[in-house]
Every structure is written in C-alpha cells, then in structure tokens.
Amino acid sequence: MRINRLDHVGIRVMDFDRSVAFYERLGFSVIRHDLEERVVVLKHDSGIEINLLDSGNDDNGQRNILMDVENKFPGYTHYAIEVDSADEAKGFVESIGLEVTEGPITFGDGKTSVFIRDPDLNVIEFTQLPAG
C-alpha cells in the first residue's frame, strides 16, 4: 500500500454551530453539511480538511480527558498545522479573540509551536519548522 498524505481529521463536537464558527475564524469554509450522516466538512485553502461529527454527549466537566486529567488515557491528543511563523500565528489567534494556551515554545527538534483549544477543548498546535 502506498500512502499519499493525511486526508482529513475527524473531530467529535458537542455543537455544530459553535464549532463551525470557531473553525471559520481560522479560515476554514464549510464544503459539506450532511445532517443524515451528522457531519460537517470544512476545508482550508491550504488543503487541510476537518470533519466535525456532531455526536458528543458528555463534556467531561469541561475537561479534555486525554490532556486534562491525571490518568492518561490512550488516544489522539492534538493535531499540528504547519505555519510559516509561530509568532505570526500567535498574533493572528489573539487578533480574532482566541486564547493561546501555550507558547510560543521551541522543542528539542527545533520546531516552535503555539497551542490553542477549540470549543470542545481539543488541542490544536500551530508549528513552525526549524530554518534550513
């Protein structure tokens, strides 16, 4: 099997309207809304596609159980979107009224990242690759 690229990220949400509004602020556009399948597909000009699944029914006391609780459950903890500049990403995020929850922080591999959370507390990382 030849793998070409990541096709999309699926995110379970509590409320379509709230989540769509959030991702639209980041530059995503709705390309498909299917109430029968309970999915909203959003796409960014960069080619990134996100599928929102409106089937969340427990907000876990406003905690992300993969990131915010003492017991560490297995599962996807975040996804990272490559950006040209972590500082510019931070400035943009703040300019549209979103909270930066961490960063910019530079890791041992030279990547510099800024982290935010969506309305359901899912973590999104904006990462700047090292120069060179």
N, C-alpha and C. Protein backbone atom coordinates (compact mmCIF):
# COMPACT_ATOMS: atom_id res chain seq x y z
N MET A 1 0.83 -1.17 0.00
CA MET A 1 0.00 0.00 0.00
C MET A 1 0.88 1.24 0.00
N ARG A 2 0.57 2.17 -0.86
CA ARG A 2 1.27 3.44 -0.89
C ARG A 2 0.40 4.49 -0.20
N ILE A 3 0.94 5.16 0.78
CA ILE A 3 0.22 6.23 1.47
C ILE A 3 0.63 7.55 0.84
N ASN A 4 -0.34 8.37 0.49
CA ASN A 4 -0.06 9.64 -0.19
C ASN A 4 0.03 10.81 0.77
N ARG A 5 -0.94 10.92 1.68
CA ARG A 5 -0.97 12.05 2.62
C ARG A 5 -2.11 11.83 3.59
N LEU A 6 -2.18 12.62 4.62
CA LEU A 6 -3.31 12.61 5.53
C LEU A 6 -4.49 13.24 4.81
N ASP A 7 -5.62 12.58 4.78
CA ASP A 7 -6.78 13.08 4.05
C ASP A 7 -7.60 14.08 4.87
N HIS A 8 -7.93 13.74 6.11
CA HIS A 8 -8.70 14.66 6.95
C HIS A 8 -8.55 14.27 8.41
N VAL A 9 -8.99 15.16 9.27
CA VAL A 9 -9.03 14.90 10.70
C VAL A 9 -10.49 14.93 11.11
N GLY A 10 -10.95 13.90 11.82
CA GLY A 10 -12.31 13.85 12.34
C GLY A 10 -12.33 14.26 13.80
N ILE A 11 -13.25 15.18 14.13
CA ILE A 11 -13.32 15.70 15.49
C ILE A 11 -14.76 15.60 15.98
N ARG A 12 -14.98 14.88 17.07
CA ARG A 12 -16.31 14.82 17.67
C ARG A 12 -16.55 16.10 18.46
N VAL A 13 -17.69 16.73 18.22
CA VAL A 13 -18.01 18.00 18.87
C VAL A 13 -19.38 17.92 19.55
N MET A 14 -19.62 18.85 20.43
CA MET A 14 -20.90 18.91 21.13
C MET A 14 -21.93 19.71 20.34
N ASP A 15 -21.48 20.72 19.58
CA ASP A 15 -22.41 21.64 18.93
C ASP A 15 -21.84 22.08 17.59
N PHE A 16 -22.51 21.72 16.50
CA PHE A 16 -22.04 22.09 15.16
C PHE A 16 -21.85 23.59 15.03
N ASP A 17 -22.87 24.36 15.37
CA ASP A 17 -22.81 25.81 15.13
C ASP A 17 -21.62 26.44 15.83
N ARG A 18 -21.41 26.09 17.08
CA ARG A 18 -20.29 26.65 17.85
C ARG A 18 -18.95 26.27 17.23
N SER A 19 -18.81 25.01 16.84
CA SER A 19 -17.54 24.54 16.27
C SER A 19 -17.30 25.09 14.87
N VAL A 20 -18.34 25.14 14.04
CA VAL A 20 -18.19 25.71 12.69
C VAL A 20 -17.75 27.17 12.80
N ALA A 21 -18.37 27.93 13.69
CA ALA A 21 -17.99 29.35 13.87
C ALA A 21 -16.52 29.47 14.27
N PHE A 22 -16.06 28.59 15.15
CA PHE A 22 -14.66 28.60 15.58
C PHE A 22 -13.73 28.36 14.40
N TYR A 23 -13.98 27.30 13.64
CA TYR A 23 -13.07 26.97 12.53
C TYR A 23 -13.16 27.97 11.39
N GLU A 24 -14.31 28.58 11.19
CA GLU A 24 -14.41 29.65 10.19
C GLU A 24 -13.52 30.83 10.56
N ARG A 25 -13.38 31.11 11.85
CA ARG A 25 -12.49 32.19 12.30
C ARG A 25 -11.04 31.88 11.95
N LEU A 26 -10.70 30.60 11.85
CA LEU A 26 -9.34 30.20 11.47
C LEU A 26 -9.17 30.11 9.96
N GLY A 27 -10.20 30.42 9.18
CA GLY A 27 -10.10 30.44 7.73
C GLY A 27 -10.65 29.22 7.02
N PHE A 28 -11.30 28.32 7.75
CA PHE A 28 -11.92 27.14 7.14
C PHE A 28 -13.29 27.51 6.59
N SER A 29 -13.72 26.81 5.54
CA SER A 29 -15.04 27.02 4.96
C SER A 29 -15.78 25.69 4.91
N VAL A 30 -17.09 25.75 5.13
CA VAL A 30 -17.93 24.55 5.06
C VAL A 30 -18.06 24.15 3.60
N ILE A 31 -17.72 22.90 3.29
CA ILE A 31 -17.89 22.39 1.93
C ILE A 31 -18.97 21.31 1.85
N ARG A 32 -19.39 20.82 3.02
CA ARG A 32 -20.45 19.81 3.04
C ARG A 32 -21.08 19.79 4.42
N HIS A 33 -22.40 19.75 4.45
CA HIS A 33 -23.13 19.66 5.71
C HIS A 33 -24.20 18.60 5.50
N ASP A 34 -24.04 17.46 6.13
CA ASP A 34 -24.94 16.33 5.92
C ASP A 34 -25.57 15.95 7.25
N LEU A 35 -26.82 16.37 7.45
CA LEU A 35 -27.50 16.07 8.71
C LEU A 35 -27.79 14.59 8.88
N GLU A 36 -28.00 13.88 7.78
CA GLU A 36 -28.26 12.44 7.87
C GLU A 36 -27.03 11.70 8.41
N GLU A 37 -25.85 12.07 7.91
CA GLU A 37 -24.61 11.46 8.38
C GLU A 37 -24.06 12.16 9.63
N ARG A 38 -24.66 13.26 10.01
CA ARG A 38 -24.26 14.07 11.17
C ARG A 38 -22.80 14.49 11.08
N VAL A 39 -22.46 15.08 9.92
CA VAL A 39 -21.10 15.54 9.69
C VAL A 39 -21.12 16.90 8.99
N VAL A 40 -20.19 17.74 9.38
CA VAL A 40 -19.90 18.98 8.66
C VAL A 40 -18.45 18.90 8.25
N VAL A 41 -18.20 19.06 6.95
CA VAL A 41 -16.84 19.01 6.42
C VAL A 41 -16.40 20.44 6.14
N LEU A 42 -15.24 20.79 6.68
CA LEU A 42 -14.65 22.11 6.46
C LEU A 42 -13.31 21.95 5.78
N LYS A 43 -12.97 22.90 4.94
CA LYS A 43 -11.69 22.84 4.24
C LYS A 43 -11.03 24.22 4.29
N HIS A 44 -9.73 24.21 4.40
CA HIS A 44 -8.91 25.42 4.40
C HIS A 44 -8.25 25.55 3.04
N ASP A 45 -7.93 26.78 2.63
CA ASP A 45 -7.25 26.99 1.35
C ASP A 45 -5.93 26.22 1.26
N SER A 46 -5.33 25.88 2.40
CA SER A 46 -4.08 25.13 2.42
C SER A 46 -4.28 23.67 2.03
N GLY A 47 -5.54 23.22 1.98
CA GLY A 47 -5.85 21.84 1.66
C GLY A 47 -6.23 21.00 2.86
N ILE A 48 -6.09 21.54 4.06
CA ILE A 48 -6.45 20.80 5.27
C ILE A 48 -7.96 20.65 5.35
N GLU A 49 -8.42 19.41 5.61
CA GLU A 49 -9.85 19.13 5.73
C GLU A 49 -10.14 18.60 7.13
N ILE A 50 -11.22 19.12 7.71
CA ILE A 50 -11.66 18.69 9.03
C ILE A 50 -13.10 18.23 8.91
N ASN A 51 -13.41 17.07 9.49
CA ASN A 51 -14.78 16.57 9.55
C ASN A 51 -15.26 16.70 10.99
N LEU A 52 -16.28 17.50 11.20
CA LEU A 52 -16.87 17.63 12.52
C LEU A 52 -18.01 16.64 12.64
N LEU A 53 -17.99 15.84 13.69
CA LEU A 53 -19.02 14.85 13.95
C LEU A 53 -19.82 15.31 15.16
N ASP A 54 -21.09 15.62 14.95
CA ASP A 54 -21.94 16.20 15.99
C ASP A 54 -22.58 15.09 16.81
N SER A 55 -21.76 14.39 17.57
CA SER A 55 -22.31 13.29 18.36
C SER A 55 -21.79 13.27 19.79
N GLY A 56 -21.10 14.34 20.20
CA GLY A 56 -20.65 14.41 21.58
C GLY A 56 -21.85 14.57 22.51
N ASN A 57 -21.84 13.84 23.63
CA ASN A 57 -22.96 13.96 24.55
C ASN A 57 -22.51 14.07 26.01
N ASP A 58 -21.22 14.29 26.24
CA ASP A 58 -20.71 14.43 27.59
C ASP A 58 -19.47 15.32 27.53
N ASP A 59 -19.53 16.48 28.16
CA ASP A 59 -18.39 17.41 28.07
C ASP A 59 -17.33 17.14 29.12
N ASN A 60 -17.46 16.03 29.85
CA ASN A 60 -16.45 15.61 30.84
C ASN A 60 -16.12 16.70 31.85
N GLY A 61 -17.14 17.45 32.24
CA GLY A 61 -16.90 18.51 33.22
C GLY A 61 -15.98 19.59 32.71
N GLN A 62 -16.06 19.86 31.40
CA GLN A 62 -15.22 20.86 30.74
C GLN A 62 -13.73 20.54 30.87
N ARG A 63 -13.40 19.23 30.76
CA ARG A 63 -12.01 18.80 30.74
C ARG A 63 -11.80 17.90 29.54
N ASN A 64 -10.66 18.03 28.92
CA ASN A 64 -10.26 17.13 27.84
C ASN A 64 -9.65 15.92 28.52
N ILE A 65 -10.32 14.77 28.44
CA ILE A 65 -9.85 13.61 29.22
C ILE A 65 -8.52 13.06 28.72
N LEU A 66 -8.09 13.44 27.53
CA LEU A 66 -6.78 12.99 27.05
C LEU A 66 -5.65 13.92 27.49
N MET A 67 -6.01 15.14 27.92
CA MET A 67 -4.97 16.11 28.25
C MET A 67 -5.07 16.65 29.68
N ASP A 68 -6.28 16.69 30.25
CA ASP A 68 -6.50 17.46 31.47
C ASP A 68 -6.78 16.65 32.72
N VAL A 69 -6.68 15.34 32.64
CA VAL A 69 -6.93 14.53 33.83
C VAL A 69 -5.66 13.78 34.21
N GLU A 70 -5.59 13.39 35.48
CA GLU A 70 -4.37 12.74 35.99
C GLU A 70 -4.11 11.40 35.30
N ASN A 71 -5.15 10.56 35.16
CA ASN A 71 -4.99 9.29 34.46
C ASN A 71 -4.82 9.57 32.98
N LYS A 72 -3.83 9.00 32.36
CA LYS A 72 -3.56 9.26 30.94
C LYS A 72 -4.14 8.15 30.09
N PHE A 73 -5.23 8.48 29.39
CA PHE A 73 -5.90 7.53 28.51
C PHE A 73 -5.22 7.54 27.14
N PRO A 74 -5.21 6.43 26.42
CA PRO A 74 -4.66 6.44 25.07
C PRO A 74 -5.62 7.14 24.12
N GLY A 75 -5.07 7.70 23.08
CA GLY A 75 -5.89 8.37 22.07
C GLY A 75 -5.15 9.55 21.46
N TYR A 76 -5.76 10.16 20.48
CA TYR A 76 -5.16 11.32 19.82
C TYR A 76 -5.24 12.52 20.75
N THR A 77 -4.13 13.17 20.99
CA THR A 77 -4.12 14.30 21.92
C THR A 77 -4.21 15.65 21.23
N HIS A 78 -3.76 15.72 19.97
CA HIS A 78 -3.81 17.00 19.26
C HIS A 78 -3.46 16.76 17.80
N TYR A 79 -3.65 17.80 17.01
CA TYR A 79 -3.10 17.77 15.66
C TYR A 79 -2.36 19.07 15.44
N ALA A 80 -1.35 19.02 14.57
CA ALA A 80 -0.48 20.17 14.34
C ALA A 80 -0.63 20.66 12.91
N ILE A 81 -0.74 21.96 12.77
CA ILE A 81 -0.83 22.62 11.47
C ILE A 81 0.45 23.41 11.27
N GLU A 82 1.15 23.14 10.19
CA GLU A 82 2.39 23.85 9.91
C GLU A 82 2.08 25.29 9.49
N VAL A 83 2.82 26.23 10.07
CA VAL A 83 2.71 27.65 9.74
C VAL A 83 4.09 28.20 9.43
N ASP A 84 4.14 29.34 8.75
CA ASP A 84 5.42 29.99 8.46
C ASP A 84 6.08 30.55 9.71
N SER A 85 5.25 31.08 10.64
CA SER A 85 5.79 31.75 11.82
C SER A 85 4.88 31.50 13.02
N ALA A 86 5.45 30.96 14.08
CA ALA A 86 4.69 30.75 15.31
C ALA A 86 4.27 32.08 15.92
N ASP A 87 5.14 33.08 15.83
CA ASP A 87 4.80 34.40 16.36
C ASP A 87 3.63 35.02 15.60
N GLU A 88 3.64 34.88 14.27
CA GLU A 88 2.51 35.39 13.47
C GLU A 88 1.24 34.62 13.79
N ALA A 89 1.34 33.31 13.98
CA ALA A 89 0.17 32.51 14.34
C ALA A 89 -0.40 32.99 15.68
N LYS A 90 0.48 33.23 16.64
CA LYS A 90 0.04 33.73 17.94
C LYS A 90 -0.67 35.06 17.80
N GLY A 91 -0.09 35.96 17.03
CA GLY A 91 -0.70 37.27 16.81
C GLY A 91 -2.05 37.16 16.14
N PHE A 92 -2.16 36.28 15.14
CA PHE A 92 -3.42 36.10 14.43
C PHE A 92 -4.48 35.54 15.38
N VAL A 93 -4.14 34.49 16.09
CA VAL A 93 -5.08 33.86 17.01
C VAL A 93 -5.61 34.87 18.02
N GLU A 94 -4.72 35.65 18.58
CA GLU A 94 -5.13 36.66 19.56
C GLU A 94 -5.96 37.76 18.91
N SER A 95 -5.65 38.11 17.65
CA SER A 95 -6.39 39.18 16.96
C SER A 95 -7.83 38.80 16.67
N ILE A 96 -8.12 37.50 16.60
CA ILE A 96 -9.50 37.07 16.36
C ILE A 96 -10.19 36.65 17.67
N GLY A 97 -9.55 36.99 18.78
CA GLY A 97 -10.17 36.79 20.09
C GLY A 97 -10.07 35.41 20.67
N LEU A 98 -9.13 34.60 20.18
CA LEU A 98 -8.94 33.27 20.74
C LEU A 98 -7.77 33.29 21.72
N GLU A 99 -7.82 32.39 22.68
CA GLU A 99 -6.78 32.33 23.71
C GLU A 99 -5.68 31.37 23.32
N VAL A 100 -4.45 31.83 23.42
CA VAL A 100 -3.29 30.95 23.28
C VAL A 100 -3.11 30.27 24.64
N THR A 101 -3.11 28.94 24.64
CA THR A 101 -2.99 28.22 25.89
C THR A 101 -1.54 27.88 26.24
N GLU A 102 -0.65 27.93 25.23
CA GLU A 102 0.77 27.69 25.48
C GLU A 102 1.57 28.18 24.29
N GLY A 103 2.73 28.76 24.56
CA GLY A 103 3.66 29.11 23.51
C GLY A 103 3.69 30.60 23.20
N PRO A 104 4.60 30.93 22.32
CA PRO A 104 5.45 30.04 21.54
C PRO A 104 6.48 29.32 22.42
N ILE A 105 6.68 28.06 22.11
CA ILE A 105 7.65 27.23 22.79
C ILE A 105 8.45 26.48 21.72
N THR A 106 9.78 26.45 21.91
CA THR A 106 10.65 25.74 20.97
C THR A 106 11.06 24.41 21.59
N PHE A 107 10.88 23.34 20.83
CA PHE A 107 11.17 21.99 21.29
C PHE A 107 12.57 21.56 20.85
N GLY A 108 13.01 20.43 21.35
CA GLY A 108 14.34 19.92 21.07
C GLY A 108 14.60 19.65 19.60
N ASP A 109 13.57 19.42 18.81
CA ASP A 109 13.75 19.19 17.38
C ASP A 109 13.81 20.49 16.58
N GLY A 110 13.74 21.63 17.29
CA GLY A 110 13.83 22.93 16.63
C GLY A 110 12.51 23.52 16.20
N LYS A 111 11.43 22.76 16.30
CA LYS A 111 10.11 23.30 15.96
C LYS A 111 9.64 24.24 17.05
N THR A 112 8.98 25.33 16.64
CA THR A 112 8.41 26.29 17.57
C THR A 112 6.90 26.26 17.40
N SER A 113 6.19 26.11 18.51
CA SER A 113 4.74 25.90 18.43
C SER A 113 3.96 26.81 19.35
N VAL A 114 2.72 27.05 18.94
CA VAL A 114 1.71 27.77 19.70
C VAL A 114 0.50 26.84 19.79
N PHE A 115 -0.12 26.78 20.95
CA PHE A 115 -1.25 25.88 21.17
C PHE A 115 -2.50 26.66 21.52
N ILE A 116 -3.63 26.20 20.97
CA ILE A 116 -4.94 26.73 21.33
C ILE A 116 -5.87 25.54 21.55
N ARG A 117 -7.09 25.83 21.97
CA ARG A 117 -8.11 24.79 22.12
C ARG A 117 -9.38 25.23 21.41
N ASP A 118 -10.06 24.24 20.82
CA ASP A 118 -11.34 24.54 20.19
C ASP A 118 -12.43 24.58 21.26
N PRO A 119 -13.68 24.86 20.90
CA PRO A 119 -14.73 24.97 21.92
C PRO A 119 -14.95 23.71 22.74
N ASP A 120 -14.53 22.54 22.24
CA ASP A 120 -14.66 21.30 22.99
C ASP A 120 -13.36 20.90 23.68
N LEU A 121 -12.42 21.85 23.74
CA LEU A 121 -11.13 21.72 24.42
C LEU A 121 -10.14 20.82 23.71
N ASN A 122 -10.41 20.48 22.45
CA ASN A 122 -9.43 19.74 21.65
C ASN A 122 -8.25 20.66 21.36
N VAL A 123 -7.05 20.13 21.47
CA VAL A 123 -5.83 20.92 21.31
C VAL A 123 -5.44 21.01 19.83
N ILE A 124 -5.11 22.23 19.41
CA ILE A 124 -4.61 22.48 18.06
C ILE A 124 -3.24 23.14 18.21
N GLU A 125 -2.27 22.61 17.52
CA GLU A 125 -0.90 23.13 17.55
C GLU A 125 -0.60 23.79 16.21
N PHE A 126 -0.07 24.99 16.26
CA PHE A 126 0.45 25.66 15.07
C PHE A 126 1.96 25.60 15.20
N THR A 127 2.62 24.95 14.26
CA THR A 127 4.05 24.68 14.41
C THR A 127 4.86 25.26 13.26
N GLN A 128 5.93 25.91 13.62
CA GLN A 128 6.89 26.48 12.68
C GLN A 128 8.08 25.54 12.62
N LEU A 129 8.42 25.09 11.42
CA LEU A 129 9.55 24.19 11.27
C LEU A 129 10.85 24.95 11.44
N PRO A 130 11.90 24.27 11.86
CA PRO A 130 13.20 24.95 12.02
C PRO A 130 13.74 25.41 10.67
N ALA A 131 14.50 26.49 10.69
CA ALA A 131 15.10 27.01 9.47
C ALA A 131 16.12 26.00 8.93
N GLY A 132 16.19 25.94 7.60
CA GLY A 132 17.21 25.10 6.98
C GLY A 132 16.67 23.85 6.54
